[in-house]
Protein backbone atom coordinates (compact mmCIF):
# COMPACT_ATOMS: atom_id res chain seq x y z
CA MET A 1 21.91 -24.76 24.31
CA ALA A 2 22.78 -23.99 28.02
CA GLY A 3 23.44 -20.47 27.13
CA ARG A 4 20.07 -20.01 25.50
CA ALA A 5 18.29 -21.47 28.46
CA ALA A 6 20.13 -19.11 30.84
CA ALA A 7 19.28 -16.18 28.58
CA ALA A 8 15.58 -17.21 28.43
CA LEU A 9 15.58 -17.57 32.31
CA LEU A 10 17.09 -14.17 32.87
CA LEU A 11 14.67 -12.59 30.33
CA THR A 12 11.79 -14.30 32.11
CA ALA A 13 12.85 -12.98 35.56
CA SER A 14 13.29 -9.54 34.12
CA ILE A 15 9.88 -9.39 32.42
CA LEU A 16 8.07 -10.82 35.40
CA GLN A 17 9.63 -8.26 37.74
CA ILE A 18 8.47 -5.52 35.44
CA ALA A 19 4.95 -7.07 34.97
CA LEU A 20 4.42 -7.66 38.66
CA GLY A 21 5.69 -4.14 39.65
CA GLN A 22 7.82 -5.63 42.59
CA ASN A 23 10.85 -3.48 42.26
CA ILE A 24 11.46 -2.27 45.84
CA THR A 25 14.81 -0.62 45.42
CA GLU A 26 15.29 3.05 46.13
CA PRO A 27 11.98 4.94 45.73
CA ARG A 28 11.60 8.00 43.56
CA THR A 29 11.30 11.39 45.10
CA VAL A 30 7.52 11.77 44.45
CA LEU A 31 5.40 8.66 44.52
CA HIS A 32 1.61 8.42 44.38
CA CYS A 33 -0.10 5.50 46.15
CA PHE A 34 -3.55 4.34 46.92
CA LYS A 35 -4.61 4.99 50.57
CA CYS A 36 -7.11 3.55 52.88
CA ASP A 37 -7.15 3.42 56.72
CA PHE A 38 -7.81 0.32 58.65
CA ASP A 39 -11.32 1.41 59.59
CA GLN A 40 -12.32 2.57 56.17
CA PRO A 41 -13.26 0.57 53.01
CA CYS A 42 -10.67 0.90 50.35
CA SER A 43 -11.56 3.24 47.46
CA GLU A 44 -9.67 5.24 44.92
CA ALA A 45 -8.27 7.68 47.54
CA SER A 46 -4.65 8.52 46.95
CA VAL A 47 -1.67 10.01 48.72
CA THR A 48 1.75 11.31 47.78
CA CYS A 49 4.59 9.75 49.65
CA ASN A 50 7.57 11.62 51.07
CA GLU A 51 11.12 10.98 50.16
CA GLY A 52 12.26 7.63 51.66
CA GLU A 53 8.75 6.07 51.46
CA SER A 54 7.35 3.42 49.33
CA CYS A 55 3.70 2.39 48.45
CA SER A 56 2.62 -0.37 50.73
CA THR A 57 -0.23 -2.85 51.44
CA ILE A 58 -0.43 -3.42 55.15
CA ARG A 59 -2.12 -6.60 56.52
CA GLY A 60 -2.26 -7.51 60.24
CA HIS A 61 -3.77 -9.97 62.61
CA SER A 62 -4.74 -9.43 66.19
CA ASP A 63 -2.65 -10.87 69.10
CA TYR A 64 -5.72 -11.54 71.10
CA LYS A 65 -8.81 -11.83 68.89
CA VAL A 66 -8.23 -14.84 66.62
CA HIS A 67 -10.42 -13.77 63.75
CA GLU A 68 -9.72 -10.01 63.85
CA SER A 69 -7.52 -8.70 60.98
CA ILE A 70 -6.77 -5.26 59.59
CA TYR A 71 -5.95 -4.11 56.01
CA GLY A 72 -4.71 -0.77 54.74
CA LYS A 73 -2.78 0.99 52.02
CA GLY A 74 -0.57 3.92 52.06
CA CYS A 75 3.06 5.16 52.20
CA VAL A 76 5.64 3.65 54.69
CA SER A 77 9.18 4.14 55.29
CA VAL A 78 11.42 1.89 53.05
CA ARG A 79 12.90 0.51 56.24
CA LYS A 80 9.64 -1.17 57.06
CA CYS A 81 9.15 -2.80 53.58
CA ASN A 82 8.67 -6.52 53.49
CA GLY A 83 9.17 -6.69 57.25
CA LEU A 84 7.12 -7.63 60.32
CA ASP A 85 6.01 -5.07 62.89
CA ARG A 86 3.69 -4.74 65.87
CA ILE A 87 1.23 -1.87 66.12
CA SER A 88 -1.62 -0.89 68.40
CA TYR A 89 -4.97 -0.25 66.72
CA SER A 90 -8.18 0.32 68.56
CA ASN A 91 -6.48 -0.58 71.89
CA ASN A 92 -5.56 -3.99 70.42
CA PRO A 93 -2.00 -5.21 69.41
CA PHE A 94 -1.59 -6.39 65.92
CA ARG A 95 1.29 -8.13 64.02
CA VAL A 96 1.44 -6.46 60.69
CA THR A 97 3.42 -7.08 57.44
CA TYR A 98 4.21 -4.38 54.85
CA SER A 99 4.25 -5.38 51.19
CA CYS A 100 6.02 -2.55 49.34
CA CYS A 101 6.50 -1.44 45.72
CA ASN A 102 7.69 1.83 44.24
CA THR A 103 5.83 2.63 41.11
CA ASP A 104 2.83 5.00 41.06
CA TYR A 105 -0.30 3.37 42.29
CA CYS A 106 1.29 -0.07 42.57
CA ASN A 107 -0.49 -0.86 45.73
CA GLY A 108 -3.87 -1.16 44.02
CA GLY A 109 -6.20 -4.10 44.15
CA TYR A 110 -6.62 -6.87 46.69
CA SER A 111 -4.87 -9.67 44.74
CA GLY A 112 -2.54 -10.31 41.80
CA ALA A 113 -5.38 -11.42 39.65
CA PRO A 114 -5.38 -8.35 37.36
CA ARG A 115 -1.68 -8.97 36.64
CA LEU A 116 -2.30 -12.46 35.48
CA PRO A 117 -2.60 -11.50 31.80
CA LEU A 118 0.88 -9.71 32.02
CA VAL A 119 2.41 -12.85 33.56
CA CYS A 120 0.90 -14.96 30.72
CA VAL A 121 2.17 -12.58 28.12
CA ALA A 122 5.67 -12.59 29.70
CA THR A 123 5.70 -16.36 29.79
CA ILE A 124 4.61 -16.70 26.16
CA LEU A 125 7.21 -14.11 24.93
CA THR A 126 9.92 -15.94 26.97
CA MET A 127 8.99 -19.31 25.38
CA LEU A 128 8.92 -17.79 21.92
CA LEU A 129 12.30 -16.05 22.36
CA ALA A 130 13.94 -19.24 23.71
CA TYR A 131 12.61 -21.09 20.67
CA LEU A 132 13.90 -18.43 18.23
CA LEU A 133 17.30 -18.24 19.89
């Protein structure tokens, strides 16, 4: 019984990783990502990343202005992925985080809500497989 539970847990983790598109290992040579600059509304604009870059969603908060934040999308060096950084934008220092992924257009959307059906399907399939095993 413990073996079945371990297999179901491993399967769940694998399916969720695929469903959420959060594989941030070595990026492919050519990767297409959504792009929007901090001062522009996000649309369907896209960019092709260079080798050694991943798609990213960039979020930041001002060091001086409490309610000022920035948001952008694009390509970043894999060294910056899932890390913290300080940048200057409009003569104002910001603390930013880079959330990375490495599949085409994986940095789309503002939240994980569109992926919720995939997570539900993965959970149901895992429960069904655990029952059948």
